[in-house]
């Protein structure tokens, strides 16, 4: 995978290295738990798995898991934090799998269509691609560039990308409505990236909001789109 911005990998490694436990990042902790409930297949490959925190949740639920992570710093972090999870450099599989996941990763890839084609080819017939991508192209700004994002997606854009490459959309929803207006104000009015350090502090109120509200209700807008696309056949 190609990342935009020379400091994007360093920024991500620094973020995850600062966490003693996934639970201290209320955003990802709740997102991973929500998405893990969407995984129906037994064999799962997570592309851009980072420190393999999401895969550790799936493994605890009895799934057969493997990760793909091109960034060496992230692979080293995965080996340190989740050594029981196999993580490889490339998507080279001996067998097709039930599910492929990409959580906050597709936006980092310049040729997203080419990546979707690869995912389609490694899925079993009827297999599912579960993804999380940043929403609202008009919000693309300083923080996106800092994180190495080539783009943000609308529902229409992500649907068109997937259906053009053989998938059938099964589920689409927005997530993180709470962060939408602070992000909008920070990026488009104040013209500065919204800081994410507060995610390390494990706010009890925010954790409860995401657990009981965001994970159960689609407000029709939000900072992210969560989706499931099924391989035809």
C-alpha atoms as a PDB file:
ATOM      1  CA  UNK A   1       0.000   0.000   0.000  1.00  0.00           C
ATOM      2  CA  UNK A   2       1.166   3.476  -0.772  1.00  0.00           C
ATOM      3  CA  UNK A   3       0.884   6.134   1.896  1.00  0.00           C
ATOM      4  CA  UNK A   4       0.636   9.839   1.176  1.00  0.00           C
ATOM      5  CA  UNK A   5       2.800  12.074   3.346  1.00  0.00           C
ATOM      6  CA  UNK A   6       6.244  11.142   4.661  1.00  0.00           C
ATOM      7  CA  UNK A   7       5.266  11.342   8.332  1.00  0.00           C
ATOM      8  CA  UNK A   8       1.989   9.393   8.140  1.00  0.00           C
ATOM      9  CA  UNK A   9       3.486   6.073   9.278  1.00  0.00           C
ATOM     10  CA  UNK A  10       5.439   7.711  12.106  1.00  0.00           C
ATOM     11  CA  UNK A  11       2.303   9.506  13.250  1.00  0.00           C
ATOM     12  CA  UNK A  12       0.289   6.268  13.376  1.00  0.00           C
ATOM     13  CA  UNK A  13       3.018   4.257  15.113  1.00  0.00           C
ATOM     14  CA  UNK A  14       3.383   7.014  17.702  1.00  0.00           C
ATOM     15  CA  UNK A  15      -0.389   7.020  18.297  1.00  0.00           C
ATOM     16  CA  UNK A  16      -0.651   3.271  18.891  1.00  0.00           C
ATOM     17  CA  UNK A  17       2.595   3.050  20.845  1.00  0.00           C
ATOM     18  CA  UNK A  18       1.204   5.588  23.311  1.00  0.00           C
ATOM     19  CA  UNK A  19      -1.665   3.249  24.218  1.00  0.00           C
ATOM     20  CA  UNK A  20      -1.039   0.788  27.035  1.00  0.00           C
ATOM     21  CA  UNK A  21      -4.329  -0.907  26.213  1.00  0.00           C
ATOM     22  CA  UNK A  22      -6.836  -0.651  23.368  1.00  0.00           C
ATOM     23  CA  UNK A  23      -9.493   0.370  25.914  1.00  0.00           C
ATOM     24  CA  UNK A  24      -7.683   3.670  26.421  1.00  0.00           C
ATOM     25  CA  UNK A  25      -8.614   4.617  22.849  1.00  0.00           C
ATOM     26  CA  UNK A  26     -12.405   4.797  23.246  1.00  0.00           C
ATOM     27  CA  UNK A  27     -12.892   5.510  19.546  1.00  0.00           C
ATOM     28  CA  UNK A  28     -11.163   2.430  18.164  1.00  0.00           C
ATOM     29  CA  UNK A  29     -12.205   0.205  21.062  1.00  0.00           C
ATOM     30  CA  UNK A  30     -15.878   0.804  20.319  1.00  0.00           C
ATOM     31  CA  UNK A  31     -15.434   0.785  16.551  1.00  0.00           C
ATOM     32  CA  UNK A  32     -13.612  -2.555  16.636  1.00  0.00           C
ATOM     33  CA  UNK A  33     -16.258  -4.119  18.843  1.00  0.00           C
ATOM     34  CA  UNK A  34     -19.023  -2.871  16.539  1.00  0.00           C
ATOM     35  CA  UNK A  35     -17.321  -4.136  13.380  1.00  0.00           C
ATOM     36  CA  UNK A  36     -16.355  -7.460  14.960  1.00  0.00           C
ATOM     37  CA  UNK A  37     -20.064  -8.212  15.378  1.00  0.00           C
ATOM     38  CA  UNK A  38     -20.511  -7.807  11.618  1.00  0.00           C
ATOM     39  CA  UNK A  39     -17.991 -10.555  10.803  1.00  0.00           C
ATOM     40  CA  UNK A  40     -19.869 -13.765   9.979  1.00  0.00           C
ATOM     41  CA  UNK A  41     -17.149 -15.821   8.290  1.00  0.00           C
ATOM     42  CA  UNK A  42     -14.629 -18.016  10.084  1.00  0.00           C
ATOM     43  CA  UNK A  43     -11.457 -17.039   8.205  1.00  0.00           C
ATOM     44  CA  UNK A  44     -10.590 -13.335   8.306  1.00  0.00           C
ATOM     45  CA  UNK A  45      -7.754 -11.278   6.855  1.00  0.00           C
ATOM     46  CA  UNK A  46      -7.395  -7.686   8.039  1.00  0.00           C
ATOM     47  CA  UNK A  47      -5.502  -5.503   5.558  1.00  0.00           C
ATOM     48  CA  UNK A  48      -3.596  -2.640   7.126  1.00  0.00           C
ATOM     49  CA  UNK A  49      -4.007  -4.331  10.499  1.00  0.00           C
ATOM     50  CA  UNK A  50      -1.616  -2.015  12.369  1.00  0.00           C
ATOM     51  CA  UNK A  51      -0.828  -3.495  15.811  1.00  0.00           C
ATOM     52  CA  UNK A  52      -3.449  -6.242  15.190  1.00  0.00           C
ATOM     53  CA  UNK A  53      -5.752  -5.033  17.963  1.00  0.00           C
ATOM     54  CA  UNK A  54      -8.886  -5.678  15.912  1.00  0.00           C
ATOM     55  CA  UNK A  55      -7.681  -9.167  15.013  1.00  0.00           C
ATOM     56  CA  UNK A  56      -7.080  -9.945  18.684  1.00  0.00           C
ATOM     57  CA  UNK A  57     -10.795  -9.318  19.309  1.00  0.00           C
ATOM     58  CA  UNK A  58     -11.772 -11.646  16.471  1.00  0.00           C
ATOM     59  CA  UNK A  59      -9.332 -14.324  17.622  1.00  0.00           C
ATOM     60  CA  UNK A  60     -10.845 -14.218  21.107  1.00  0.00           C
ATOM     61  CA  UNK A  61     -14.207 -14.903  19.438  1.00  0.00           C
ATOM     62  CA  UNK A  62     -12.897 -18.030  17.760  1.00  0.00           C
ATOM     63  CA  UNK A  63     -12.077 -16.688  14.296  1.00  0.00           C
ATOM     64  CA  UNK A  64      -9.115 -17.845  12.235  1.00  0.00           C
ATOM     65  CA  UNK A  65      -7.238 -14.602  11.648  1.00  0.00           C
ATOM     66  CA  UNK A  66      -4.251 -13.155   9.801  1.00  0.00           C
ATOM     67  CA  UNK A  67      -3.060  -9.625   9.183  1.00  0.00           C
ATOM     68  CA  UNK A  68      -1.424  -7.738   6.340  1.00  0.00           C
ATOM     69  CA  UNK A  69       0.648  -4.677   7.230  1.00  0.00           C
ATOM     70  CA  UNK A  70       3.144  -3.034   4.822  1.00  0.00           C
ATOM     71  CA  UNK A  71       4.542  -0.599   7.404  1.00  0.00           C
ATOM     72  CA  UNK A  72       7.523  -2.091   9.217  1.00  0.00           C
ATOM     73  CA  UNK A  73       6.987   0.013  12.328  1.00  0.00           C
ATOM     74  CA  UNK A  74       3.435  -1.282  12.624  1.00  0.00           C
ATOM     75  CA  UNK A  75       4.505  -4.904  12.082  1.00  0.00           C
ATOM     76  CA  UNK A  76       7.051  -4.536  14.853  1.00  0.00           C
ATOM     77  CA  UNK A  77       4.364  -3.082  17.110  1.00  0.00           C
ATOM     78  CA  UNK A  78       2.020  -5.981  16.275  1.00  0.00           C
ATOM     79  CA  UNK A  79       4.769  -8.468  17.175  1.00  0.00           C
ATOM     80  CA  UNK A  80       5.203  -6.701  20.510  1.00  0.00           C
ATOM     81  CA  UNK A  81       1.527  -6.225  21.432  1.00  0.00           C
ATOM     82  CA  UNK A  82      -0.129  -9.238  19.772  1.00  0.00           C
ATOM     83  CA  UNK A  83       2.582 -11.820  19.037  1.00  0.00           C
ATOM     84  CA  UNK A  84       0.032 -14.614  18.590  1.00  0.00           C
ATOM     85  CA  UNK A  85      -1.410 -12.937  15.456  1.00  0.00           C
ATOM     86  CA  UNK A  86       0.370 -13.765  12.161  1.00  0.00           C
ATOM     87  CA  UNK A  87       1.083 -10.544  10.262  1.00  0.00           C
ATOM     88  CA  UNK A  88       2.660 -10.491   6.801  1.00  0.00           C
ATOM     89  CA  UNK A  89       3.937  -7.807   4.454  1.00  0.00           C
ATOM     90  CA  UNK A  90       1.725  -8.577   1.438  1.00  0.00           C
ATOM     91  CA  UNK A  91      -1.651 -10.043   0.549  1.00  0.00           C
ATOM     92  CA  UNK A  92      -0.413 -13.430  -0.683  1.00  0.00           C
ATOM     93  CA  UNK A  93      -2.807 -16.202   0.367  1.00  0.00           C
ATOM     94  CA  UNK A  94      -2.728 -19.926  -0.315  1.00  0.00           C
ATOM     95  CA  UNK A  95      -6.482 -20.236   0.198  1.00  0.00           C
ATOM     96  CA  UNK A  96      -9.433 -17.930  -0.312  1.00  0.00           C
ATOM     97  CA  UNK A  97     -11.037 -16.520   2.845  1.00  0.00           C
ATOM     98  CA  UNK A  98     -14.531 -15.803   4.123  1.00  0.00           C
ATOM     99  CA  UNK A  99     -13.965 -12.177   5.081  1.00  0.00           C
ATOM    100  CA  UNK A 100     -11.534  -9.368   4.348  1.00  0.00           C
ATOM    101  CA  UNK A 101     -11.576  -6.277   6.545  1.00  0.00           C
ATOM    102  CA  UNK A 102     -10.034  -2.841   6.069  1.00  0.00           C
ATOM    103  CA  UNK A 103     -10.645  -0.409   8.904  1.00  0.00           C
ATOM    104  CA  UNK A 104      -9.558   3.171   8.182  1.00  0.00           C
ATOM    105  CA  UNK A 105      -7.145   1.927   5.499  1.00  0.00           C
ATOM    106  CA  UNK A 106      -8.598   2.219   1.972  1.00  0.00           C
ATOM    107  CA  UNK A 107      -8.224   6.000   2.035  1.00  0.00           C
ATOM    108  CA  UNK A 108      -4.450   5.537   2.412  1.00  0.00           C
ATOM    109  CA  UNK A 109      -4.183   3.731  -0.928  1.00  0.00           C
ATOM    110  CA  UNK A 110      -3.740   5.768  -4.094  1.00  0.00           C
ATOM    111  CA  UNK A 111      -5.135   3.047  -6.379  1.00  0.00           C
ATOM    112  CA  UNK A 112      -8.189   2.101  -4.335  1.00  0.00           C
ATOM    113  CA  UNK A 113      -9.818   0.388  -7.325  1.00  0.00           C
ATOM    114  CA  UNK A 114      -6.808  -1.883  -7.755  1.00  0.00           C
ATOM    115  CA  UNK A 115      -6.911  -2.752  -4.071  1.00  0.00           C
ATOM    116  CA  UNK A 116     -10.620  -3.622  -4.250  1.00  0.00           C
ATOM    117  CA  UNK A 117      -9.898  -5.947  -7.200  1.00  0.00           C
ATOM    118  CA  UNK A 118      -7.276  -7.775  -5.115  1.00  0.00           C
ATOM    119  CA  UNK A 119      -9.717  -8.156  -2.243  1.00  0.00           C
ATOM    120  CA  UNK A 120     -12.361  -9.574  -4.572  1.00  0.00           C
ATOM    121  CA  UNK A 121      -9.878 -12.144  -5.894  1.00  0.00           C
ATOM    122  CA  UNK A 122      -8.977 -13.554  -2.449  1.00  0.00           C
ATOM    123  CA  UNK A 123     -12.557 -13.907  -1.186  1.00  0.00           C
ATOM    124  CA  UNK A 124     -14.534 -17.113  -1.406  1.00  0.00           C
ATOM    125  CA  UNK A 125     -17.745 -17.034  -3.452  1.00  0.00           C
ATOM    126  CA  UNK A 126     -20.247 -15.155  -1.299  1.00  0.00           C
ATOM    127  CA  UNK A 127     -17.451 -13.819   0.892  1.00  0.00           C
ATOM    128  CA  UNK A 128     -17.654 -10.363   2.420  1.00  0.00           C
ATOM    129  CA  UNK A 129     -15.518  -7.239   2.448  1.00  0.00           C
ATOM    130  CA  UNK A 130     -16.092  -5.201   5.611  1.00  0.00           C
ATOM    131  CA  UNK A 131     -14.667  -1.686   5.631  1.00  0.00           C
ATOM    132  CA  UNK A 132     -14.508   1.617   7.463  1.00  0.00           C
ATOM    133  CA  UNK A 133     -13.596   4.756   5.523  1.00  0.00           C
ATOM    134  CA  UNK A 134     -13.638   8.485   6.328  1.00  0.00           C
ATOM    135  CA  UNK A 135     -16.841  10.185   5.154  1.00  0.00           C
ATOM    136  CA  UNK A 136     -17.635  13.508   3.478  1.00  0.00           C
ATOM    137  CA  UNK A 137     -15.136  14.520   0.757  1.00  0.00           C
ATOM    138  CA  UNK A 138     -15.659  18.220   1.560  1.00  0.00           C
ATOM    139  CA  UNK A 139     -14.027  17.654   4.975  1.00  0.00           C
ATOM    140  CA  UNK A 140     -10.719  16.546   3.474  1.00  0.00           C
ATOM    141  CA  UNK A 141      -8.101  18.816   4.954  1.00  0.00           C
ATOM    142  CA  UNK A 142      -5.071  19.208   7.181  1.00  0.00           C
ATOM    143  CA  UNK A 143      -5.612  16.201   9.411  1.00  0.00           C
ATOM    144  CA  UNK A 144      -6.306  13.957   6.427  1.00  0.00           C
ATOM    145  CA  UNK A 145      -3.033  14.996   4.827  1.00  0.00           C
ATOM    146  CA  UNK A 146      -1.241  14.507   8.148  1.00  0.00           C
ATOM    147  CA  UNK A 147      -2.650  10.974   8.371  1.00  0.00           C
ATOM    148  CA  UNK A 148      -1.766  10.123   4.766  1.00  0.00           C
ATOM    149  CA  UNK A 149      -5.331  10.116   3.396  1.00  0.00           C
ATOM    150  CA  UNK A 150      -5.734  10.459  -0.361  1.00  0.00           C
ATOM    151  CA  UNK A 151      -9.468  11.028  -0.035  1.00  0.00           C
ATOM    152  CA  UNK A 152     -12.658  10.844   1.981  1.00  0.00           C
ATOM    153  CA  UNK A 153     -15.728   9.074   0.552  1.00  0.00           C
ATOM    154  CA  UNK A 154     -19.412   9.730   0.103  1.00  0.00           C
ATOM    155  CA  UNK A 155     -21.801   6.772   0.247  1.00  0.00           C
ATOM    156  CA  UNK A 156     -22.303   7.137  -3.493  1.00  0.00           C
ATOM    157  CA  UNK A 157     -18.568   7.098  -4.221  1.00  0.00           C
ATOM    158  CA  UNK A 158     -17.775   4.027  -2.128  1.00  0.00           C
ATOM    159  CA  UNK A 159     -20.794   2.197  -3.551  1.00  0.00           C
ATOM    160  CA  UNK A 160     -19.736   2.989  -7.113  1.00  0.00           C
ATOM    161  CA  UNK A 161     -16.171   1.841  -6.425  1.00  0.00           C
ATOM    162  CA  UNK A 162     -17.286  -1.507  -5.043  1.00  0.00           C
ATOM    163  CA  UNK A 163     -20.041  -2.321  -7.530  1.00  0.00           C
ATOM    164  CA  UNK A 164     -17.720  -1.464 -10.425  1.00  0.00           C
ATOM    165  CA  UNK A 165     -15.420  -4.193  -9.165  1.00  0.00           C
ATOM    166  CA  UNK A 166     -18.001  -6.946  -8.794  1.00  0.00           C
ATOM    167  CA  UNK A 167     -19.318  -6.418  -5.274  1.00  0.00           C
ATOM    168  CA  UNK A 168     -22.897  -6.060  -4.114  1.00  0.00           C
ATOM    169  CA  UNK A 169     -23.484  -3.576  -1.302  1.00  0.00           C
ATOM    170  CA  UNK A 170     -25.055  -5.297   1.674  1.00  0.00           C
ATOM    171  CA  UNK A 171     -24.843  -2.625   4.382  1.00  0.00           C
ATOM    172  CA  UNK A 172     -23.813   1.037   4.664  1.00  0.00           C
ATOM    173  CA  UNK A 173     -24.100   3.354   7.633  1.00  0.00           C
ATOM    174  CA  UNK A 174     -22.553   6.496   9.059  1.00  0.00           C
ATOM    175  CA  UNK A 175     -20.669   6.465  12.353  1.00  0.00           C
ATOM    176  CA  UNK A 176     -19.206   9.079  14.727  1.00  0.00           C
ATOM    177  CA  UNK A 177     -21.825  11.788  14.437  1.00  0.00           C
ATOM    178  CA  UNK A 178     -20.485  13.304  17.661  1.00  0.00           C
ATOM    179  CA  UNK A 179     -17.184  14.216  16.052  1.00  0.00           C
ATOM    180  CA  UNK A 180     -18.654  15.696  12.887  1.00  0.00           C
ATOM    181  CA  UNK A 181     -19.155  19.319  13.980  1.00  0.00           C
ATOM    182  CA  UNK A 182     -15.901  19.666  15.992  1.00  0.00           C
ATOM    183  CA  UNK A 183     -14.055  18.291  12.953  1.00  0.00           C
ATOM    184  CA  UNK A 184     -15.905  20.658  10.599  1.00  0.00           C
ATOM    185  CA  UNK A 185     -15.159  23.695  12.774  1.00  0.00           C
ATOM    186  CA  UNK A 186     -11.512  22.761  13.290  1.00  0.00           C
ATOM    187  CA  UNK A 187     -10.721  21.940   9.660  1.00  0.00           C
ATOM    188  CA  UNK A 188     -12.853  24.421   7.735  1.00  0.00           C
ATOM    189  CA  UNK A 189     -13.180  27.414  10.066  1.00  0.00           C
ATOM    190  CA  UNK A 190     -10.130  27.360  12.361  1.00  0.00           C
ATOM    191  CA  UNK A 191      -7.978  25.797   9.618  1.00  0.00           C
ATOM    192  CA  UNK A 192      -6.073  23.493  11.951  1.00  0.00           C
ATOM    193  CA  UNK A 193      -6.131  19.719  12.385  1.00  0.00           C
ATOM    194  CA  UNK A 194      -8.326  18.332  15.138  1.00  0.00           C
ATOM    195  CA  UNK A 195      -6.101  16.823  17.807  1.00  0.00           C
ATOM    196  CA  UNK A 196      -6.638  13.153  18.688  1.00  0.00           C
ATOM    197  CA  UNK A 197      -4.642  13.092  21.940  1.00  0.00           C
ATOM    198  CA  UNK A 198      -7.869  13.171  23.934  1.00  0.00           C
ATOM    199  CA  UNK A 199      -8.541   9.625  22.686  1.00  0.00           C
ATOM    200  CA  UNK A 200      -5.711   8.417  24.925  1.00  0.00           C
ATOM    201  CA  UNK A 201      -7.419   9.631  28.083  1.00  0.00           C
ATOM    202  CA  UNK A 202     -10.138   7.025  28.182  1.00  0.00           C
ATOM    203  CA  UNK A 203     -13.052   9.392  28.830  1.00  0.00           C
ATOM    204  CA  UNK A 204     -15.819   7.397  30.515  1.00  0.00           C
ATOM    205  CA  UNK A 205     -18.582   9.631  29.135  1.00  0.00           C
ATOM    206  CA  UNK A 206     -17.311   9.383  25.562  1.00  0.00           C
ATOM    207  CA  UNK A 207     -16.814   5.640  25.884  1.00  0.00           C
ATOM    208  CA  UNK A 208     -20.436   5.252  26.983  1.00  0.00           C
ATOM    209  CA  UNK A 209     -21.660   7.509  24.180  1.00  0.00           C
ATOM    210  CA  UNK A 210     -19.954   5.431  21.514  1.00  0.00           C
ATOM    211  CA  UNK A 211     -20.914   2.127  23.107  1.00  0.00           C
ATOM    212  CA  UNK A 212     -24.617   2.815  23.615  1.00  0.00           C
ATOM    213  CA  UNK A 213     -25.426   5.529  21.073  1.00  0.00           C
ATOM    214  CA  UNK A 214     -23.049   5.592  18.095  1.00  0.00           C
ATOM    215  CA  UNK A 215     -22.859   1.805  17.904  1.00  0.00           C
ATOM    216  CA  UNK A 216     -26.632   1.440  17.877  1.00  0.00           C
ATOM    217  CA  UNK A 217     -27.938   4.429  15.917  1.00  0.00           C
ATOM    218  CA  UNK A 218     -27.178   5.828  12.466  1.00  0.00           C
ATOM    219  CA  UNK A 219     -27.787   9.587  12.569  1.00  0.00           C
ATOM    220  CA  UNK A 220     -27.504   9.922   8.802  1.00  0.00           C
ATOM    221  CA  UNK A 221     -24.170  11.757   9.041  1.00  0.00           C
ATOM    222  CA  UNK A 222     -20.812  11.213  10.714  1.00  0.00           C
ATOM    223  CA  UNK A 223     -17.067  11.187  10.229  1.00  0.00           C
ATOM    224  CA  UNK A 224     -16.958   7.571   9.037  1.00  0.00           C
ATOM    225  CA  UNK A 225     -18.819   5.146   6.796  1.00  0.00           C
ATOM    226  CA  UNK A 226     -19.037   1.494   7.826  1.00  0.00           C
ATOM    227  CA  UNK A 227     -20.003  -1.000   5.140  1.00  0.00           C
ATOM    228  CA  UNK A 228     -20.282  -4.603   4.048  1.00  0.00           C
ATOM    229  CA  UNK A 229     -19.904  -5.612   0.402  1.00  0.00           C
ATOM    230  CA  UNK A 230     -20.556  -9.187  -0.771  1.00  0.00           C
ATOM    231  CA  UNK A 231     -18.734 -11.020  -3.536  1.00  0.00           C
ATOM    232  CA  UNK A 232     -21.253 -12.024  -6.169  1.00  0.00           C
ATOM    233  CA  UNK A 233     -21.746 -15.716  -6.747  1.00  0.00           C
END
